[in-house]
Amino acid sequence: MARRFLQHRTPADRSQYIDVRTEIFQRRRLSPVPVTCLFIGVSVVVTLLAHVPALAPVISKLYFSVSFGTAFPEIRAGEVWRLVTPIFLHGGLLHLLFNMLWLYQLGGQIEAQESSRYVAIMVLVFASICNTAQYIVSGPLFVGMSGVVYGLLGYIWIMTRFQVGTRYMLSEQTVMLMLLWLGLCLVGIIPHVANTEHVVGLLLGVAWGFVRSGGWGQRRRRRRWHKQLS
């Protein structure tokens, strides 16, 4: 009964009925999501291998750089994979678990609603831009999928608000929780976080979702509607 009731609500109404406590764990009869699972598998394997001392020279090739500054020496030398590969490294089990749960939920939704190619391109674009921004701001000592996760969050958030007949589902409570986490990181209550990645990822996701959902057209139609009522 509850599911049928929600299907007749608008995107904004439906988002109010999704429990934040189950948002991250529940898969809503989505199609197979092989690319999302591939990113998760690579992240798990790479993070585990990073703790093998003998593999340290190989793992070092996955970081954005080994030098500070904005010269991008390795990437300019042809090691372009470094733009992306820091997302597969994580600082510990909790860091990995947190990011992978969100990647599965958010990336899985996008892959099921759009396509495997679409979510792959999205992850690679978010990773490249977020990693580059973080390197410019703070240097090469950063790892993790958080920038991508915030990008996916921003995308789905905007799609639930502007796309007509959207099938994306994301609660406002979940958005507020993630924004609160972002704020705590920015003010330093939660230290040692790649804040630039988070902010840039969220802004990219919001912009991408706004364009994809036809947000400009929606806003114009809403303004015309309000003018007609006034």
C-alpha atoms as a PDB file:
ATOM      1  CA  MET A   1       0.000   0.000   0.000  1.00  0.00           C
ATOM      2  CA  ALA A   2       2.728   2.452   0.926  1.00  0.00           C
ATOM      3  CA  ARG A   3       4.561   1.857  -2.340  1.00  0.00           C
ATOM      4  CA  ARG A   4       1.439   2.459  -4.430  1.00  0.00           C
ATOM      5  CA  PHE A   5       0.710   5.621  -2.506  1.00  0.00           C
ATOM      6  CA  LEU A   6       4.197   7.007  -3.161  1.00  0.00           C
ATOM      7  CA  GLN A   7       4.018   6.318  -6.871  1.00  0.00           C
ATOM      8  CA  HIS A   8       1.219   8.900  -7.192  1.00  0.00           C
ATOM      9  CA  ARG A   9       3.162  11.645  -5.420  1.00  0.00           C
ATOM     10  CA  THR A  10       5.290  14.302  -7.046  1.00  0.00           C
ATOM     11  CA  PRO A  11       9.112  13.920  -6.846  1.00  0.00           C
ATOM     12  CA  ALA A  12       9.246  16.482  -4.023  1.00  0.00           C
ATOM     13  CA  ASP A  13       6.481  14.697  -2.090  1.00  0.00           C
ATOM     14  CA  ARG A  14       7.965  11.249  -2.543  1.00  0.00           C
ATOM     15  CA  SER A  15      11.337  12.363  -1.211  1.00  0.00           C
ATOM     16  CA  GLN A  16       9.712  13.127   2.153  1.00  0.00           C
ATOM     17  CA  TYR A  17       8.672   9.523   2.682  1.00  0.00           C
ATOM     18  CA  ILE A  18      12.014   7.755   2.236  1.00  0.00           C
ATOM     19  CA  ASP A  19      13.587   6.825   5.560  1.00  0.00           C
ATOM     20  CA  VAL A  20      17.189   7.994   5.850  1.00  0.00           C
ATOM     21  CA  ARG A  21      17.959   4.958   7.997  1.00  0.00           C
ATOM     22  CA  THR A  22      17.275   2.594   5.089  1.00  0.00           C
ATOM     23  CA  GLU A  23      18.306   4.826   2.195  1.00  0.00           C
ATOM     24  CA  ILE A  24      21.831   3.484   1.983  1.00  0.00           C
ATOM     25  CA  PHE A  25      21.027  -0.189   2.397  1.00  0.00           C
ATOM     26  CA  GLN A  26      17.897  -0.786   0.340  1.00  0.00           C
ATOM     27  CA  ARG A  27      18.032  -1.662  -3.365  1.00  0.00           C
ATOM     28  CA  ARG A  28      14.665  -0.899  -4.946  1.00  0.00           C
ATOM     29  CA  ARG A  29      14.405  -3.637  -7.574  1.00  0.00           C
ATOM     30  CA  LEU A  30      17.042  -2.024  -9.743  1.00  0.00           C
ATOM     31  CA  SER A  31      18.545  -3.618 -12.806  1.00  0.00           C
ATOM     32  CA  PRO A  32      22.012  -5.206 -12.576  1.00  0.00           C
ATOM     33  CA  VAL A  33      24.676  -2.559 -12.041  1.00  0.00           C
ATOM     34  CA  PRO A  34      27.932  -4.113 -13.297  1.00  0.00           C
ATOM     35  CA  VAL A  35      29.922  -0.886 -13.657  1.00  0.00           C
ATOM     36  CA  THR A  36      29.051   0.255 -10.145  1.00  0.00           C
ATOM     37  CA  CYS A  37      30.038  -3.159  -8.808  1.00  0.00           C
ATOM     38  CA  LEU A  38      33.249  -3.016 -10.836  1.00  0.00           C
ATOM     39  CA  PHE A  39      34.235   0.300  -9.257  1.00  0.00           C
ATOM     40  CA  ILE A  40      33.484  -1.153  -5.824  1.00  0.00           C
ATOM     41  CA  GLY A  41      35.506  -4.302  -6.511  1.00  0.00           C
ATOM     42  CA  VAL A  42      38.513  -2.368  -7.789  1.00  0.00           C
ATOM     43  CA  SER A  43      38.382  -0.072  -4.746  1.00  0.00           C
ATOM     44  CA  VAL A  44      38.319  -3.000  -2.329  1.00  0.00           C
ATOM     45  CA  VAL A  45      41.156  -4.848  -4.064  1.00  0.00           C
ATOM     46  CA  VAL A  46      43.369  -1.783  -4.454  1.00  0.00           C
ATOM     47  CA  THR A  47      42.837  -0.679  -0.858  1.00  0.00           C
ATOM     48  CA  LEU A  48      43.767  -4.141   0.421  1.00  0.00           C
ATOM     49  CA  LEU A  49      46.834  -4.389  -1.828  1.00  0.00           C
ATOM     50  CA  ALA A  50      47.983  -0.966  -0.649  1.00  0.00           C
ATOM     51  CA  HIS A  51      48.760  -2.560   2.721  1.00  0.00           C
ATOM     52  CA  VAL A  52      51.201  -5.047   1.191  1.00  0.00           C
ATOM     53  CA  PRO A  53      54.702  -3.547   1.667  1.00  0.00           C
ATOM     54  CA  ALA A  54      56.147  -5.300  -1.368  1.00  0.00           C
ATOM     55  CA  LEU A  55      53.615  -3.552  -3.620  1.00  0.00           C
ATOM     56  CA  ALA A  56      54.408  -0.039  -2.407  1.00  0.00           C
ATOM     57  CA  PRO A  57      56.245   0.974  -5.628  1.00  0.00           C
ATOM     58  CA  VAL A  58      53.229  -0.083  -7.704  1.00  0.00           C
ATOM     59  CA  ILE A  59      50.686   1.543  -5.405  1.00  0.00           C
ATOM     60  CA  SER A  60      52.634   4.806  -5.492  1.00  0.00           C
ATOM     61  CA  LYS A  61      51.802   4.996  -9.192  1.00  0.00           C
ATOM     62  CA  LEU A  62      48.108   5.281  -8.293  1.00  0.00           C
ATOM     63  CA  TYR A  63      48.418   8.507  -6.321  1.00  0.00           C
ATOM     64  CA  PHE A  64      47.795  11.772  -8.118  1.00  0.00           C
ATOM     65  CA  SER A  65      51.438  12.780  -7.782  1.00  0.00           C
ATOM     66  CA  VAL A  66      54.456  12.468  -5.522  1.00  0.00           C
ATOM     67  CA  SER A  67      55.275  16.173  -5.609  1.00  0.00           C
ATOM     68  CA  PHE A  68      53.587  19.336  -4.418  1.00  0.00           C
ATOM     69  CA  GLY A  69      52.759  22.282  -6.630  1.00  0.00           C
ATOM     70  CA  THR A  70      50.769  22.703  -9.818  1.00  0.00           C
ATOM     71  CA  ALA A  71      53.222  21.396 -12.396  1.00  0.00           C
ATOM     72  CA  PHE A  72      51.531  17.977 -12.800  1.00  0.00           C
ATOM     73  CA  PRO A  73      54.876  16.303 -13.642  1.00  0.00           C
ATOM     74  CA  GLU A  74      53.674  12.691 -13.845  1.00  0.00           C
ATOM     75  CA  ILE A  75      50.516  13.482 -15.787  1.00  0.00           C
ATOM     76  CA  ARG A  76      52.415  15.658 -18.238  1.00  0.00           C
ATOM     77  CA  ALA A  77      54.780  12.708 -18.677  1.00  0.00           C
ATOM     78  CA  GLY A  78      51.872  10.556 -19.845  1.00  0.00           C
ATOM     79  CA  GLU A  79      50.673   8.940 -16.590  1.00  0.00           C
ATOM     80  CA  VAL A  80      47.144  10.188 -17.160  1.00  0.00           C
ATOM     81  CA  TRP A  81      45.563   7.410 -15.106  1.00  0.00           C
ATOM     82  CA  ARG A  82      46.616   9.365 -12.009  1.00  0.00           C
ATOM     83  CA  LEU A  83      43.736  11.749 -12.679  1.00  0.00           C
ATOM     84  CA  VAL A  84      41.361   8.966 -11.634  1.00  0.00           C
ATOM     85  CA  THR A  85      43.146   6.275  -9.619  1.00  0.00           C
ATOM     86  CA  PRO A  86      43.254   8.063  -6.221  1.00  0.00           C
ATOM     87  CA  ILE A  87      39.534   7.265  -5.888  1.00  0.00           C
ATOM     88  CA  PHE A  88      40.364   3.572  -5.533  1.00  0.00           C
ATOM     89  CA  LEU A  89      42.649   4.100  -2.536  1.00  0.00           C
ATOM     90  CA  HIS A  90      41.197   4.535   0.956  1.00  0.00           C
ATOM     91  CA  GLY A  91      42.592   5.405   4.352  1.00  0.00           C
ATOM     92  CA  GLY A  92      41.061   2.500   6.235  1.00  0.00           C
ATOM     93  CA  LEU A  93      38.203   0.025   6.501  1.00  0.00           C
ATOM     94  CA  LEU A  94      35.603   2.532   7.707  1.00  0.00           C
ATOM     95  CA  HIS A  95      36.555   5.004   4.993  1.00  0.00           C
ATOM     96  CA  LEU A  96      36.226   2.268   2.385  1.00  0.00           C
ATOM     97  CA  LEU A  97      32.953   0.907   3.782  1.00  0.00           C
ATOM     98  CA  PHE A  98      31.322   4.333   3.982  1.00  0.00           C
ATOM     99  CA  ASN A  99      32.209   5.275   0.425  1.00  0.00           C
ATOM    100  CA  MET A 100      31.326   1.916  -1.086  1.00  0.00           C
ATOM    101  CA  LEU A 101      27.889   1.814   0.524  1.00  0.00           C
ATOM    102  CA  TRP A 102      27.084   5.233  -0.889  1.00  0.00           C
ATOM    103  CA  LEU A 103      28.578   4.384  -4.263  1.00  0.00           C
ATOM    104  CA  TYR A 104      26.406   1.270  -4.456  1.00  0.00           C
ATOM    105  CA  GLN A 105      23.255   3.178  -3.557  1.00  0.00           C
ATOM    106  CA  LEU A 106      23.806   6.323  -5.603  1.00  0.00           C
ATOM    107  CA  GLY A 107      25.805   4.930  -8.504  1.00  0.00           C
ATOM    108  CA  GLY A 108      23.493   1.950  -8.713  1.00  0.00           C
ATOM    109  CA  GLN A 109      20.465   4.186  -9.119  1.00  0.00           C
ATOM    110  CA  ILE A 110      22.099   6.175 -11.889  1.00  0.00           C
ATOM    111  CA  GLU A 111      23.337   3.095 -13.727  1.00  0.00           C
ATOM    112  CA  ALA A 112      19.887   1.495 -13.553  1.00  0.00           C
ATOM    113  CA  GLN A 113      18.050   4.627 -14.680  1.00  0.00           C
ATOM    114  CA  GLU A 114      20.535   5.790 -17.328  1.00  0.00           C
ATOM    115  CA  SER A 115      23.106   3.202 -18.482  1.00  0.00           C
ATOM    116  CA  SER A 116      26.394   1.597 -17.523  1.00  0.00           C
ATOM    117  CA  ARG A 117      28.265   3.876 -19.917  1.00  0.00           C
ATOM    118  CA  TYR A 118      26.586   6.943 -18.432  1.00  0.00           C
ATOM    119  CA  VAL A 119      27.583   6.192 -14.839  1.00  0.00           C
ATOM    120  CA  ALA A 120      31.114   5.240 -15.931  1.00  0.00           C
ATOM    121  CA  ILE A 121      31.570   8.562 -17.706  1.00  0.00           C
ATOM    122  CA  MET A 122      30.107  10.408 -14.740  1.00  0.00           C
ATOM    123  CA  VAL A 123      32.447   8.738 -12.239  1.00  0.00           C
ATOM    124  CA  LEU A 124      35.511   9.346 -14.420  1.00  0.00           C
ATOM    125  CA  VAL A 125      34.620  13.002 -14.989  1.00  0.00           C
ATOM    126  CA  PHE A 126      33.918  13.629 -11.314  1.00  0.00           C
ATOM    127  CA  ALA A 127      37.106  11.827 -10.302  1.00  0.00           C
ATOM    128  CA  SER A 128      39.331  13.725 -12.735  1.00  0.00           C
ATOM    129  CA  ILE A 129      38.015  17.177 -11.855  1.00  0.00           C
ATOM    130  CA  CYS A 130      37.761  16.599  -8.088  1.00  0.00           C
ATOM    131  CA  ASN A 131      41.228  15.048  -7.856  1.00  0.00           C
ATOM    132  CA  THR A 132      42.761  17.861  -9.889  1.00  0.00           C
ATOM    133  CA  ALA A 133      41.111  20.504  -7.715  1.00  0.00           C
ATOM    134  CA  GLN A 134      42.233  18.780  -4.512  1.00  0.00           C
ATOM    135  CA  TYR A 135      45.816  18.517  -5.788  1.00  0.00           C
ATOM    136  CA  ILE A 136      45.933  22.207  -6.664  1.00  0.00           C
ATOM    137  CA  VAL A 137      44.595  23.215  -3.247  1.00  0.00           C
ATOM    138  CA  SER A 138      46.373  20.837  -0.894  1.00  0.00           C
ATOM    139  CA  GLY A 139      48.923  18.744  -2.768  1.00  0.00           C
ATOM    140  CA  PRO A 140      48.987  15.027  -3.620  1.00  0.00           C
ATOM    141  CA  LEU A 141      48.320  13.457  -0.221  1.00  0.00           C
ATOM    142  CA  PHE A 142      44.653  12.489  -0.634  1.00  0.00           C
ATOM    143  CA  VAL A 143      42.699   9.317  -1.377  1.00  0.00           C
ATOM    144  CA  GLY A 144      39.108   8.181  -1.560  1.00  0.00           C
ATOM    145  CA  MET A 145      35.858   8.132  -3.520  1.00  0.00           C
ATOM    146  CA  SER A 146      34.174  10.896  -1.491  1.00  0.00           C
ATOM    147  CA  GLY A 147      34.315  13.539  -4.209  1.00  0.00           C
ATOM    148  CA  VAL A 148      32.593  11.168  -6.626  1.00  0.00           C
ATOM    149  CA  VAL A 149      30.017  10.223  -3.994  1.00  0.00           C
ATOM    150  CA  TYR A 150      29.113  13.860  -3.399  1.00  0.00           C
ATOM    151  CA  GLY A 151      28.872  14.365  -7.158  1.00  0.00           C
ATOM    152  CA  LEU A 152      26.426  11.466  -7.477  1.00  0.00           C
ATOM    153  CA  LEU A 153      24.483  12.771  -4.487  1.00  0.00           C
ATOM    154  CA  GLY A 154      24.179  16.242  -6.017  1.00  0.00           C
ATOM    155  CA  TYR A 155      23.063  14.789  -9.339  1.00  0.00           C
ATOM    156  CA  ILE A 156      20.289  12.606  -7.896  1.00  0.00           C
ATOM    157  CA  TRP A 157      19.191  15.374  -5.524  1.00  0.00           C
ATOM    158  CA  ILE A 158      18.584  17.773  -8.395  1.00  0.00           C
ATOM    159  CA  MET A 159      16.992  15.095 -10.565  1.00  0.00           C
ATOM    160  CA  THR A 160      14.418  14.352  -7.836  1.00  0.00           C
ATOM    161  CA  ARG A 161      13.540  18.042  -7.693  1.00  0.00           C
ATOM    162  CA  PHE A 162      13.365  18.985 -11.369  1.00  0.00           C
ATOM    163  CA  GLN A 163      12.995  15.942 -13.629  1.00  0.00           C
ATOM    164  CA  VAL A 164       9.376  15.381 -14.645  1.00  0.00           C
ATOM    165  CA  GLY A 165       8.255  11.846 -13.808  1.00  0.00           C
ATOM    166  CA  THR A 166      11.599  10.996 -12.239  1.00  0.00           C
ATOM    167  CA  ARG A 167      12.237   7.519 -10.914  1.00  0.00           C
ATOM    168  CA  TYR A 168      15.158   8.645  -8.794  1.00  0.00           C
ATOM    169  CA  MET A 169      14.613   8.426  -5.048  1.00  0.00           C
ATOM    170  CA  LEU A 170      16.502  10.375  -2.402  1.00  0.00           C
ATOM    171  CA  SER A 171      15.179  11.710   0.872  1.00  0.00           C
ATOM    172  CA  GLU A 172      15.662  15.284   2.007  1.00  0.00           C
ATOM    173  CA  GLN A 173      16.853  13.865   5.341  1.00  0.00           C
ATOM    174  CA  THR A 174      19.684  12.077   3.576  1.00  0.00           C
ATOM    175  CA  VAL A 175      20.690  15.235   1.720  1.00  0.00           C
ATOM    176  CA  MET A 176      20.685  17.210   4.974  1.00  0.00           C
ATOM    177  CA  LEU A 177      22.750  14.515   6.687  1.00  0.00           C
ATOM    178  CA  MET A 178      25.378  14.607   3.942  1.00  0.00           C
ATOM    179  CA  LEU A 179      25.428  18.411   3.923  1.00  0.00           C
ATOM    180  CA  LEU A 180      25.844  18.399   7.695  1.00  0.00           C
ATOM    181  CA  TRP A 181      28.767  15.998   7.349  1.00  0.00           C
ATOM    182  CA  LEU A 182      30.251  18.293   4.724  1.00  0.00           C
ATOM    183  CA  GLY A 183      29.885  21.275   7.042  1.00  0.00           C
ATOM    184  CA  LEU A 184      31.525  19.483   9.968  1.00  0.00           C
ATOM    185  CA  CYS A 185      34.455  18.615   7.726  1.00  0.00           C
ATOM    186  CA  LEU A 186      34.771  22.165   6.411  1.00  0.00           C
ATOM    187  CA  VAL A 187      34.960  23.730   9.888  1.00  0.00           C
ATOM    188  CA  GLY A 188      37.530  21.181  11.035  1.00  0.00           C
ATOM    189  CA  ILE A 189      35.423  19.236  13.544  1.00  0.00           C
ATOM    190  CA  ILE A 190      36.138  16.173  11.406  1.00  0.00           C
ATOM    191  CA  PRO A 191      39.803  16.616  10.444  1.00  0.00           C
ATOM    192  CA  HIS A 192      42.045  15.220   7.702  1.00  0.00           C
ATOM    193  CA  VAL A 193      39.357  15.296   5.020  1.00  0.00           C
ATOM    194  CA  ALA A 194      39.706  16.240   1.353  1.00  0.00           C
ATOM    195  CA  ASN A 195      37.183  19.071   1.588  1.00  0.00           C
ATOM    196  CA  THR A 196      37.924  20.462  -1.861  1.00  0.00           C
ATOM    197  CA  GLU A 197      36.892  17.154  -3.416  1.00  0.00           C
ATOM    198  CA  HIS A 198      33.622  17.167  -1.500  1.00  0.00           C
ATOM    199  CA  VAL A 199      32.653  20.708  -2.444  1.00  0.00           C
ATOM    200  CA  VAL A 200      33.716  20.439  -6.081  1.00  0.00           C
ATOM    201  CA  GLY A 201      32.006  17.051  -6.452  1.00  0.00           C
ATOM    202  CA  LEU A 202      28.733  18.344  -5.004  1.00  0.00           C
ATOM    203  CA  LEU A 203      28.752  21.437  -7.239  1.00  0.00           C
ATOM    204  CA  LEU A 204      29.515  19.354 -10.321  1.00  0.00           C
ATOM    205  CA  GLY A 205      26.717  16.925  -9.519  1.00  0.00           C
ATOM    206  CA  VAL A 206      24.211  19.717  -8.935  1.00  0.00           C
ATOM    207  CA  ALA A 207      25.168  21.399 -12.215  1.00  0.00           C
ATOM    208  CA  TRP A 208      25.034  18.127 -14.164  1.00  0.00           C
ATOM    209  CA  GLY A 209      21.653  17.233 -12.680  1.00  0.00           C
ATOM    210  CA  PHE A 210      20.262  20.691 -13.369  1.00  0.00           C
ATOM    211  CA  VAL A 211      21.194  20.475 -17.038  1.00  0.00           C
ATOM    212  CA  ARG A 212      20.090  16.850 -17.400  1.00  0.00           C
ATOM    213  CA  SER A 213      16.709  17.397 -15.750  1.00  0.00           C
ATOM    214  CA  GLY A 214      15.849  20.473 -17.791  1.00  0.00           C
ATOM    215  CA  GLY A 215      15.970  22.618 -14.682  1.00  0.00           C
ATOM    216  CA  TRP A 216      16.042  25.930 -16.574  1.00  0.00           C
ATOM    217  CA  GLY A 217      12.826  25.062 -18.381  1.00  0.00           C
ATOM    218  CA  GLN A 218      11.212  23.958 -15.142  1.00  0.00           C
ATOM    219  CA  ARG A 219      12.081  27.243 -13.449  1.00  0.00           C
ATOM    220  CA  ARG A 220      10.703  29.278 -16.348  1.00  0.00           C
ATOM    221  CA  ARG A 221       7.459  27.313 -16.360  1.00  0.00           C
ATOM    222  CA  ARG A 222       7.093  27.733 -12.610  1.00  0.00           C
ATOM    223  CA  ARG A 223       7.622  31.502 -12.868  1.00  0.00           C
ATOM    224  CA  ARG A 224       4.994  31.757 -15.616  1.00  0.00           C
ATOM    225  CA  TRP A 225       2.590  29.688 -13.527  1.00  0.00           C
ATOM    226  CA  HIS A 226       3.080  31.897 -10.469  1.00  0.00           C
ATOM    227  CA  LYS A 227       2.546  35.022 -12.585  1.00  0.00           C
ATOM    228  CA  GLN A 228      -0.718  33.622 -13.896  1.00  0.00           C
ATOM    229  CA  LEU A 229      -1.908  32.957 -10.345  1.00  0.00           C
ATOM    230  CA  SER A 230      -0.964  36.404  -9.089  1.00  0.00           C
END
